[in-house]
């Protein structure tokens, strides 16, 4: 991130939107917009956003797998047969209808 290029006031962005749009597409770097000197929002191009979403999904999936592994190691799991047996017992009235 180049601070002089990638941090701009919202008023400058409004005035030069086309310029900043070209910059986003060219550099693929986010632009931080400020209001009254404080960061207010971050802009990224659509391609970078798609990449961000893919990366986030992968990170979330890895975190879920790691939680599952931790649960197994800590004994917070049950065999599938036991889960099904408990489920059937709990909902036997609904299952027989």
PDB file of N, CA and C in Angstrom:
ATOM      1  N   UNK A   1       0.845  -1.176   0.000  1.00  0.00           N
ATOM      2  CA  UNK A   1       0.000   0.000   0.000  1.00  0.00           C
ATOM      3  C   UNK A   1       0.888   1.236   0.000  1.00  0.00           C
ATOM      4  N   UNK A   2       0.607   2.130  -0.904  1.00  0.00           N
ATOM      5  CA  UNK A   2       1.311   3.398  -0.973  1.00  0.00           C
ATOM      6  C   UNK A   2       0.414   4.463  -0.339  1.00  0.00           C
ATOM      7  N   UNK A   3       0.809   4.957   0.836  1.00  0.00           N
ATOM      8  CA  UNK A   3      -0.058   5.823   1.624  1.00  0.00           C
ATOM      9  C   UNK A   3      -0.517   7.064   0.873  1.00  0.00           C
ATOM     10  N   UNK A   4       0.375   7.707   0.150  1.00  0.00           N
ATOM     11  CA  UNK A   4      -0.013   8.943  -0.540  1.00  0.00           C
ATOM     12  C   UNK A   4      -1.003   8.683  -1.673  1.00  0.00           C
ATOM     13  N   UNK A   5      -1.017   7.473  -2.200  1.00  0.00           N
ATOM     14  CA  UNK A   5      -1.911   7.129  -3.299  1.00  0.00           C
ATOM     15  C   UNK A   5      -3.169   6.421  -2.816  1.00  0.00           C
ATOM     16  N   UNK A   6      -3.043   5.592  -1.783  1.00  0.00           N
ATOM     17  CA  UNK A   6      -4.110   4.673  -1.417  1.00  0.00           C
ATOM     18  C   UNK A   6      -4.943   5.113  -0.220  1.00  0.00           C
ATOM     19  N   UNK A   7      -4.654   6.267   0.351  1.00  0.00           N
ATOM     20  CA  UNK A   7      -5.503   6.839   1.399  1.00  0.00           C
ATOM     21  C   UNK A   7      -5.954   8.203   0.909  1.00  0.00           C
ATOM     22  N   UNK A   8      -7.255   8.344   0.729  1.00  0.00           N
ATOM     23  CA  UNK A   8      -7.809   9.575   0.157  1.00  0.00           C
ATOM     24  C   UNK A   8      -9.064   9.981   0.920  1.00  0.00           C
ATOM     25  N   UNK A   9      -9.357  11.268   0.875  1.00  0.00           N
ATOM     26  CA  UNK A   9     -10.598  11.735   1.497  1.00  0.00           C
ATOM     27  C   UNK A   9     -11.775  11.375   0.596  1.00  0.00           C
ATOM     28  N   UNK A  10     -12.906  11.224   1.210  1.00  0.00           N
ATOM     29  CA  UNK A  10     -14.115  10.907   0.468  1.00  0.00           C
ATOM     30  C   UNK A  10     -14.438  12.004  -0.538  1.00  0.00           C
ATOM     31  N   UNK A  11     -14.198  13.246  -0.174  1.00  0.00           N
ATOM     32  CA  UNK A  11     -14.500  14.346  -1.102  1.00  0.00           C
ATOM     33  C   UNK A  11     -13.615  14.288  -2.346  1.00  0.00           C
ATOM     34  N   UNK A  12     -12.336  13.936  -2.195  1.00  0.00           N
ATOM     35  CA  UNK A  12     -11.451  13.789  -3.352  1.00  0.00           C
ATOM     36  C   UNK A  12     -11.919  12.616  -4.204  1.00  0.00           C
ATOM     37  N   UNK A  13     -12.325  11.517  -3.551  1.00  0.00           N
ATOM     38  CA  UNK A  13     -12.829  10.359  -4.293  1.00  0.00           C
ATOM     39  C   UNK A  13     -14.068  10.733  -5.111  1.00  0.00           C
ATOM     40  N   UNK A  14     -14.975  11.476  -4.521  1.00  0.00           N
ATOM     41  CA  UNK A  14     -16.187  11.886  -5.238  1.00  0.00           C
ATOM     42  C   UNK A  14     -15.835  12.719  -6.469  1.00  0.00           C
ATOM     43  N   UNK A  15     -14.855  13.572  -6.321  1.00  0.00           N
ATOM     44  CA  UNK A  15     -14.464  14.462  -7.413  1.00  0.00           C
ATOM     45  C   UNK A  15     -13.747  13.697  -8.535  1.00  0.00           C
ATOM     46  N   UNK A  16     -12.945  12.703  -8.173  1.00  0.00           N
ATOM     47  CA  UNK A  16     -12.111  12.001  -9.154  1.00  0.00           C
ATOM     48  C   UNK A  16     -12.425  10.503  -9.210  1.00  0.00           C
ATOM     49  N   UNK A  17     -13.695  10.137  -9.160  1.00  0.00           N
ATOM     50  CA  UNK A  17     -14.084   8.729  -9.110  1.00  0.00           C
ATOM     51  C   UNK A  17     -13.493   7.912 -10.256  1.00  0.00           C
ATOM     52  N   UNK A  18     -13.557   8.440 -11.464  1.00  0.00           N
ATOM     53  CA  UNK A  18     -13.053   7.696 -12.631  1.00  0.00           C
ATOM     54  C   UNK A  18     -11.560   7.393 -12.477  1.00  0.00           C
ATOM     55  N   UNK A  19     -10.810   8.352 -11.979  1.00  0.00           N
ATOM     56  CA  UNK A  19      -9.370   8.161 -11.774  1.00  0.00           C
ATOM     57  C   UNK A  19      -9.121   7.036 -10.765  1.00  0.00           C
ATOM     58  N   UNK A  20      -9.869   7.049  -9.677  1.00  0.00           N
ATOM     59  CA  UNK A  20      -9.675   6.025  -8.648  1.00  0.00           C
ATOM     60  C   UNK A  20     -10.152   4.653  -9.128  1.00  0.00           C
ATOM     61  N   UNK A  21     -11.168   4.619  -9.958  1.00  0.00           N
ATOM     62  CA  UNK A  21     -11.624   3.362 -10.547  1.00  0.00           C
ATOM     63  C   UNK A  21     -10.508   2.751 -11.391  1.00  0.00           C
ATOM     64  N   UNK A  22      -9.871   3.566 -12.209  1.00  0.00           N
ATOM     65  CA  UNK A  22      -8.754   3.069 -13.031  1.00  0.00           C
ATOM     66  C   UNK A  22      -7.609   2.593 -12.133  1.00  0.00           C
ATOM     67  N   UNK A  23      -7.351   3.341 -11.083  1.00  0.00           N
ATOM     68  CA  UNK A  23      -6.281   2.970 -10.146  1.00  0.00           C
ATOM     69  C   UNK A  23      -6.565   1.612  -9.505  1.00  0.00           C
ATOM     70  N   UNK A  24      -7.787   1.399  -9.066  1.00  0.00           N
ATOM     71  CA  UNK A  24      -8.153   0.123  -8.446  1.00  0.00           C
ATOM     72  C   UNK A  24      -7.926  -1.034  -9.409  1.00  0.00           C
ATOM     73  N   UNK A  25      -8.356  -0.861 -10.642  1.00  0.00           N
ATOM     74  CA  UNK A  25      -8.197  -1.925 -11.639  1.00  0.00           C
ATOM     75  C   UNK A  25      -6.724  -2.168 -11.969  1.00  0.00           C
ATOM     76  N   UNK A  26      -5.937  -1.116 -12.013  1.00  0.00           N
ATOM     77  CA  UNK A  26      -4.526  -1.224 -12.389  1.00  0.00           C
ATOM     78  C   UNK A  26      -3.681  -1.811 -11.247  1.00  0.00           C
ATOM     79  N   UNK A  27      -3.846  -1.293 -10.043  1.00  0.00           N
ATOM     80  CA  UNK A  27      -2.953  -1.677  -8.942  1.00  0.00           C
ATOM     81  C   UNK A  27      -3.446  -2.877  -8.136  1.00  0.00           C
ATOM     82  N   UNK A  28      -4.771  -3.129  -8.161  1.00  0.00           N
ATOM     83  CA  UNK A  28      -5.379  -4.182  -7.340  1.00  0.00           C
ATOM     84  C   UNK A  28      -5.172  -3.930  -5.848  1.00  0.00           C
ATOM     85  N   UNK A  29      -4.812  -2.718  -5.499  1.00  0.00           N
ATOM     86  CA  UNK A  29      -4.609  -2.339  -4.106  1.00  0.00           C
ATOM     87  C   UNK A  29      -5.852  -1.620  -3.584  1.00  0.00           C
ATOM     88  N   UNK A  30      -6.241  -1.868  -2.337  1.00  0.00           N
ATOM     89  CA  UNK A  30      -7.407  -1.173  -1.786  1.00  0.00           C
ATOM     90  C   UNK A  30      -7.134   0.320  -1.620  1.00  0.00           C
ATOM     91  N   UNK A  31      -8.211   1.075  -1.615  1.00  0.00           N
ATOM     92  CA  UNK A  31      -8.132   2.508  -1.350  1.00  0.00           C
ATOM     93  C   UNK A  31      -8.913   2.775  -0.071  1.00  0.00           C
ATOM     94  N   UNK A  32      -8.281   3.421   0.885  1.00  0.00           N
ATOM     95  CA  UNK A  32      -8.926   3.777   2.137  1.00  0.00           C
ATOM     96  C   UNK A  32      -9.478   5.184   1.985  1.00  0.00           C
ATOM     97  N   UNK A  33     -10.771   5.324   2.215  1.00  0.00           N
ATOM     98  CA  UNK A  33     -11.398   6.645   2.141  1.00  0.00           C
ATOM     99  C   UNK A  33     -11.583   7.173   3.556  1.00  0.00           C
ATOM    100  N   UNK A  34     -11.268   8.447   3.728  1.00  0.00           N
ATOM    101  CA  UNK A  34     -11.359   9.058   5.044  1.00  0.00           C
ATOM    102  C   UNK A  34     -12.466  10.109   5.062  1.00  0.00           C
ATOM    103  N   UNK A  35     -13.016  10.302   6.253  1.00  0.00           N
ATOM    104  CA  UNK A  35     -13.962  11.382   6.515  1.00  0.00           C
ATOM    105  C   UNK A  35     -13.466  12.074   7.770  1.00  0.00           C
ATOM    106  N   UNK A  36     -13.256  13.362   7.659  1.00  0.00           N
ATOM    107  CA  UNK A  36     -12.707  14.143   8.773  1.00  0.00           C
ATOM    108  C   UNK A  36     -11.390  13.558   9.274  1.00  0.00           C
ATOM    109  N   UNK A  37     -10.572  13.070   8.348  1.00  0.00           N
ATOM    110  CA  UNK A  37      -9.247  12.573   8.686  1.00  0.00           C
ATOM    111  C   UNK A  37      -9.202  11.167   9.261  1.00  0.00           C
ATOM    112  N   UNK A  38     -10.351  10.503   9.382  1.00  0.00           N
ATOM    113  CA  UNK A  38     -10.382   9.150   9.949  1.00  0.00           C
ATOM    114  C   UNK A  38     -10.846   8.169   8.893  1.00  0.00           C
ATOM    115  N   UNK A  39     -10.256   6.977   8.905  1.00  0.00           N
ATOM    116  CA  UNK A  39     -10.651   5.940   7.958  1.00  0.00           C
ATOM    117  C   UNK A  39     -12.143   5.667   8.101  1.00  0.00           C
ATOM    118  N   UNK A  40     -12.847   5.626   6.972  1.00  0.00           N
ATOM    119  CA  UNK A  40     -14.292   5.436   6.998  1.00  0.00           C
ATOM    120  C   UNK A  40     -14.715   4.205   6.196  1.00  0.00           C
ATOM    121  N   UNK A  41     -14.042   3.940   5.073  1.00  0.00           N
ATOM    122  CA  UNK A  41     -14.371   2.773   4.265  1.00  0.00           C
ATOM    123  C   UNK A  41     -13.170   2.386   3.423  1.00  0.00           C
ATOM    124  N   UNK A  42     -13.217   1.147   2.932  1.00  0.00           N
ATOM    125  CA  UNK A  42     -12.146   0.631   2.087  1.00  0.00           C
ATOM    126  C   UNK A  42     -12.770   0.147   0.786  1.00  0.00           C
ATOM    127  N   UNK A  43     -12.196   0.548  -0.332  1.00  0.00           N
ATOM    128  CA  UNK A  43     -12.672   0.141  -1.648  1.00  0.00           C
ATOM    129  C   UNK A  43     -11.692  -0.845  -2.256  1.00  0.00           C
ATOM    130  N   UNK A  44     -12.249  -1.897  -2.877  1.00  0.00           N
ATOM    131  CA  UNK A  44     -11.424  -2.817  -3.639  1.00  0.00           C
ATOM    132  C   UNK A  44     -12.156  -3.136  -4.943  1.00  0.00           C
ATOM    133  N   UNK A  45     -11.397  -3.565  -5.944  1.00  0.00           N
ATOM    134  CA  UNK A  45     -12.024  -3.909  -7.224  1.00  0.00           C
ATOM    135  C   UNK A  45     -12.730  -5.251  -7.096  1.00  0.00           C
ATOM    136  N   UNK A  46     -13.641  -5.522  -8.019  1.00  0.00           N
ATOM    137  CA  UNK A  46     -14.478  -6.720  -7.959  1.00  0.00           C
ATOM    138  C   UNK A  46     -13.655  -8.001  -7.993  1.00  0.00           C
ATOM    139  N   UNK A  47     -12.629  -8.047  -8.817  1.00  0.00           N
ATOM    140  CA  UNK A  47     -11.791  -9.251  -8.908  1.00  0.00           C
ATOM    141  C   UNK A  47     -11.098  -9.533  -7.574  1.00  0.00           C
ATOM    142  N   UNK A  48     -10.585  -8.487  -6.942  1.00  0.00           N
ATOM    143  CA  UNK A  48      -9.933  -8.661  -5.641  1.00  0.00           C
ATOM    144  C   UNK A  48     -10.936  -9.096  -4.579  1.00  0.00           C
ATOM    145  N   UNK A  49     -12.161  -8.583  -4.666  1.00  0.00           N
ATOM    146  CA  UNK A  49     -13.191  -8.977  -3.718  1.00  0.00           C
ATOM    147  C   UNK A  49     -13.541 -10.454  -3.888  1.00  0.00           C
ATOM    148  N   UNK A  50     -13.666 -10.911  -5.136  1.00  0.00           N
ATOM    149  CA  UNK A  50     -13.922 -12.329  -5.389  1.00  0.00           C
ATOM    150  C   UNK A  50     -12.808 -13.194  -4.795  1.00  0.00           C
ATOM    151  N   UNK A  51     -11.576 -12.764  -4.977  1.00  0.00           N
ATOM    152  CA  UNK A  51     -10.431 -13.494  -4.423  1.00  0.00           C
ATOM    153  C   UNK A  51     -10.503 -13.513  -2.896  1.00  0.00           C
ATOM    154  N   UNK A  52     -10.850 -12.371  -2.316  1.00  0.00           N
ATOM    155  CA  UNK A  52     -11.002 -12.286  -0.862  1.00  0.00           C
ATOM    156  C   UNK A  52     -12.051 -13.284  -0.369  1.00  0.00           C
ATOM    157  N   UNK A  53     -13.195 -13.352  -1.057  1.00  0.00           N
ATOM    158  CA  UNK A  53     -14.257 -14.274  -0.648  1.00  0.00           C
ATOM    159  C   UNK A  53     -13.802 -15.728  -0.745  1.00  0.00           C
ATOM    160  N   UNK A  54     -13.083 -16.071  -1.829  1.00  0.00           N
ATOM    161  CA  UNK A  54     -12.565 -17.436  -1.960  1.00  0.00           C
ATOM    162  C   UNK A  54     -11.597 -17.760  -0.828  1.00  0.00           C
ATOM    163  N   UNK A  55     -10.697 -16.824  -0.533  1.00  0.00           N
ATOM    164  CA  UNK A  55      -9.726 -17.040   0.543  1.00  0.00           C
ATOM    165  C   UNK A  55     -10.426 -17.170   1.888  1.00  0.00           C
ATOM    166  N   UNK A  56     -11.416 -16.333   2.121  1.00  0.00           N
ATOM    167  CA  UNK A  56     -12.156 -16.380   3.384  1.00  0.00           C
ATOM    168  C   UNK A  56     -12.874 -17.715   3.529  1.00  0.00           C
ATOM    169  N   UNK A  57     -13.492 -18.200   2.458  1.00  0.00           N
ATOM    170  CA  UNK A  57     -14.167 -19.496   2.512  1.00  0.00           C
ATOM    171  C   UNK A  57     -13.182 -20.612   2.856  1.00  0.00           C
ATOM    172  N   UNK A  58     -11.998 -20.566   2.258  1.00  0.00           N
ATOM    173  CA  UNK A  58     -10.986 -21.592   2.554  1.00  0.00           C
ATOM    174  C   UNK A  58     -10.539 -21.505   4.009  1.00  0.00           C
ATOM    175  N   UNK A  59     -10.316 -20.306   4.501  1.00  0.00           N
ATOM    176  CA  UNK A  59      -9.889 -20.120   5.892  1.00  0.00           C
ATOM    177  C   UNK A  59     -10.968 -20.614   6.848  1.00  0.00           C
ATOM    178  N   UNK A  60     -12.237 -20.293   6.537  1.00  0.00           N
ATOM    179  CA  UNK A  60     -13.342 -20.764   7.378  1.00  0.00           C
ATOM    180  C   UNK A  60     -13.429 -22.283   7.382  1.00  0.00           C
ATOM    181  N   UNK A  61     -13.230 -22.897   6.218  1.00  0.00           N
ATOM    182  CA  UNK A  61     -13.291 -24.358   6.123  1.00  0.00           C
ATOM    183  C   UNK A  61     -12.155 -24.989   6.931  1.00  0.00           C
ATOM    184  N   UNK A  62     -10.964 -24.463   6.804  1.00  0.00           N
ATOM    185  CA  UNK A  62      -9.816 -24.984   7.556  1.00  0.00           C
ATOM    186  C   UNK A  62     -10.058 -24.842   9.056  1.00  0.00           C
ATOM    187  N   UNK A  63     -10.610 -23.705   9.478  1.00  0.00           N
ATOM    188  CA  UNK A  63     -10.906 -23.495  10.896  1.00  0.00           C
ATOM    189  C   UNK A  63     -11.941 -24.510  11.388  1.00  0.00           C
ATOM    190  N   UNK A  64     -12.943 -24.797  10.553  1.00  0.00           N
ATOM    191  CA  UNK A  64     -13.961 -25.785  10.933  1.00  0.00           C
ATOM    192  C   UNK A  64     -13.351 -27.167  11.091  1.00  0.00           C
ATOM    193  N   UNK A  65     -12.506 -27.551  10.161  1.00  0.00           N
ATOM    194  CA  UNK A  65     -11.837 -28.856  10.243  1.00  0.00           C
ATOM    195  C   UNK A  65     -10.973 -28.915  11.498  1.00  0.00           C
ATOM    196  N   UNK A  66     -10.251 -27.847  11.776  1.00  0.00           N
ATOM    197  CA  UNK A  66      -9.405 -27.818  12.972  1.00  0.00           C
ATOM    198  C   UNK A  66     -10.230 -27.917  14.251  1.00  0.00           C
ATOM    199  N   UNK A  67     -11.408 -27.263  14.275  1.00  0.00           N
ATOM    200  CA  UNK A  67     -12.284 -27.402  15.449  1.00  0.00           C
ATOM    201  C   UNK A  67     -12.751 -28.842  15.603  1.00  0.00           C
ATOM    202  N   UNK A  68     -13.079 -29.485  14.486  1.00  0.00           N
ATOM    203  CA  UNK A  68     -13.483 -30.887  14.538  1.00  0.00           C
ATOM    204  C   UNK A  68     -12.374 -31.784  15.058  1.00  0.00           C
ATOM    205  N   UNK A  69     -11.178 -31.544  14.600  1.00  0.00           N
ATOM    206  CA  UNK A  69     -10.021 -32.328  15.066  1.00  0.00           C
ATOM    207  C   UNK A  69      -9.810 -32.096  16.554  1.00  0.00           C
ATOM    208  N   UNK A  70      -9.910 -30.829  17.000  1.00  0.00           N
ATOM    209  CA  UNK A  70      -9.777 -30.530  18.434  1.00  0.00           C
ATOM    210  C   UNK A  70     -10.859 -31.237  19.248  1.00  0.00           C
ATOM    211  N   UNK A  71     -12.101 -31.243  18.720  1.00  0.00           N
ATOM    212  CA  UNK A  71     -13.191 -31.944  19.412  1.00  0.00           C
ATOM    213  C   UNK A  71     -12.880 -33.427  19.541  1.00  0.00           C
ATOM    214  N   UNK A  72     -12.374 -34.035  18.472  1.00  0.00           N
ATOM    215  CA  UNK A  72     -12.025 -35.459  18.529  1.00  0.00           C
ATOM    216  C   UNK A  72     -10.946 -35.712  19.565  1.00  0.00           C
ATOM    217  N   UNK A  73      -9.915 -34.897  19.543  1.00  0.00           N
ATOM    218  CA  UNK A  73      -8.793 -35.093  20.480  1.00  0.00           C
ATOM    219  C   UNK A  73      -9.214 -34.869  21.926  1.00  0.00           C
ATOM    220  N   UNK A  74     -10.203 -34.008  22.133  1.00  0.00           N
ATOM    221  CA  UNK A  74     -10.651 -33.688  23.490  1.00  0.00           C
ATOM    222  C   UNK A  74     -11.783 -34.583  23.962  1.00  0.00           C
ATOM    223  N   UNK A  75     -12.206 -35.516  23.118  1.00  0.00           N
ATOM    224  CA  UNK A  75     -13.259 -36.443  23.515  1.00  0.00           C
ATOM    225  C   UNK A  75     -14.655 -35.830  23.486  1.00  0.00           C
ATOM    226  N   UNK A  76     -14.849 -34.790  22.708  1.00  0.00           N
ATOM    227  CA  UNK A  76     -16.164 -34.149  22.623  1.00  0.00           C
ATOM    228  C   UNK A  76     -16.967 -34.669  21.431  1.00  0.00           C
ATOM    229  N   UNK A  77     -16.728 -35.912  21.055  1.00  0.00           N
ATOM    230  CA  UNK A  77     -17.460 -36.503  19.937  1.00  0.00           C
ATOM    231  C   UNK A  77     -18.094 -37.810  20.376  1.00  0.00           C
ATOM    232  N   UNK A  78     -19.027 -38.293  19.560  1.00  0.00           N
ATOM    233  CA  UNK A  78     -19.687 -39.576  19.807  1.00  0.00           C
ATOM    234  C   UNK A  78     -19.646 -40.372  18.518  1.00  0.00           C
ATOM    235  N   UNK A  79     -19.656 -41.698  18.627  1.00  0.00           N
ATOM    236  CA  UNK A  79     -19.759 -42.514  17.413  1.00  0.00           C
ATOM    237  C   UNK A  79     -21.093 -42.236  16.715  1.00  0.00           C
ATOM    238  N   UNK A  80     -21.102 -42.313  15.387  1.00  0.00           N
ATOM    239  CA  UNK A  80     -22.303 -42.033  14.607  1.00  0.00           C
ATOM    240  C   UNK A  80     -23.460 -42.922  15.031  1.00  0.00           C
ATOM    241  N   UNK A  81     -23.182 -44.195  15.303  1.00  0.00           N
ATOM    242  CA  UNK A  81     -24.244 -45.117  15.705  1.00  0.00           C
ATOM    243  C   UNK A  81     -24.955 -44.616  16.955  1.00  0.00           C
ATOM    244  N   UNK A  82     -24.196 -44.096  17.890  1.00  0.00           N
ATOM    245  CA  UNK A  82     -24.775 -43.585  19.139  1.00  0.00           C
ATOM    246  C   UNK A  82     -25.638 -42.345  18.851  1.00  0.00           C
ATOM    247  N   UNK A  83     -25.162 -41.473  18.006  1.00  0.00           N
ATOM    248  CA  UNK A  83     -25.918 -40.268  17.663  1.00  0.00           C
ATOM    249  C   UNK A  83     -27.242 -40.650  17.021  1.00  0.00           C
ATOM    250  N   UNK A  84     -27.206 -41.581  16.062  1.00  0.00           N
ATOM    251  CA  UNK A  84     -28.447 -42.015  15.400  1.00  0.00           C
ATOM    252  C   UNK A  84     -29.404 -42.683  16.388  1.00  0.00           C
ATOM    253  N   UNK A  85     -28.859 -43.500  17.275  1.00  0.00           N
ATOM    254  CA  UNK A  85     -29.689 -44.183  18.269  1.00  0.00           C
ATOM    255  C   UNK A  85     -30.369 -43.154  19.183  1.00  0.00           C
ATOM    256  N   UNK A  86     -29.606 -42.162  19.656  1.00  0.00           N
ATOM    257  CA  UNK A  86     -30.170 -41.113  20.522  1.00  0.00           C
ATOM    258  C   UNK A  86     -31.205 -40.288  19.772  1.00  0.00           C
ATOM    259  N   UNK A  87     -30.944 -39.998  18.516  1.00  0.00           N
ATOM    260  CA  UNK A  87     -31.883 -39.234  17.698  1.00  0.00           C
ATOM    261  C   UNK A  87     -33.190 -40.000  17.530  1.00  0.00           C
ATOM    262  N   UNK A  88     -33.079 -41.272  17.182  1.00  0.00           N
ATOM    263  CA  UNK A  88     -34.277 -42.098  16.988  1.00  0.00           C
ATOM    264  C   UNK A  88     -35.083 -42.210  18.272  1.00  0.00           C
ATOM    265  N   UNK A  89     -34.390 -42.354  19.392  1.00  0.00           N
ATOM    266  CA  UNK A  89     -35.084 -42.451  20.681  1.00  0.00           C
ATOM    267  C   UNK A  89     -35.794 -41.134  21.007  1.00  0.00           C
ATOM    268  N   UNK A  90     -35.122 -40.039  20.769  1.00  0.00           N
ATOM    269  CA  UNK A  90     -35.692 -38.722  21.095  1.00  0.00           C
ATOM    270  C   UNK A  90     -36.895 -38.399  20.209  1.00  0.00           C
ATOM    271  N   UNK A  91     -36.835 -38.799  18.946  1.00  0.00           N
ATOM    272  CA  UNK A  91     -37.890 -38.407  17.989  1.00  0.00           C
ATOM    273  C   UNK A  91     -38.707 -39.596  17.491  1.00  0.00           C
ATOM    274  N   UNK A  92     -38.729 -40.689  18.278  1.00  0.00           N
ATOM    275  CA  UNK A  92     -39.429 -41.890  17.818  1.00  0.00           C
ATOM    276  C   UNK A  92     -40.898 -41.628  17.532  1.00  0.00           C
ATOM    277  N   UNK A  93     -41.551 -40.755  18.295  1.00  0.00           N
ATOM    278  CA  UNK A  93     -42.960 -40.451  18.063  1.00  0.00           C
ATOM    279  C   UNK A  93     -43.157 -39.773  16.695  1.00  0.00           C
ATOM    280  N   UNK A  94     -42.245 -38.896  16.330  1.00  0.00           N
ATOM    281  CA  UNK A  94     -42.364 -38.197  15.058  1.00  0.00           C
ATOM    282  C   UNK A  94     -42.013 -39.116  13.884  1.00  0.00           C
ATOM    283  N   UNK A  95     -41.079 -40.028  14.118  1.00  0.00           N
ATOM    284  CA  UNK A  95     -40.630 -40.906  13.031  1.00  0.00           C
ATOM    285  C   UNK A  95     -41.675 -41.970  12.693  1.00  0.00           C
ATOM    286  N   UNK A  96     -42.514 -42.341  13.643  1.00  0.00           N
ATOM    287  CA  UNK A  96     -43.493 -43.389  13.396  1.00  0.00           C
ATOM    288  C   UNK A  96     -44.763 -42.865  12.727  1.00  0.00           C
ATOM    289  N   UNK A  97     -44.937 -41.577  12.641  1.00  0.00           N
ATOM    290  CA  UNK A  97     -46.138 -41.007  12.024  1.00  0.00           C
ATOM    291  C   UNK A  97     -46.085 -41.024  10.524  1.00  0.00           C
TER     292      UNK A  97
END
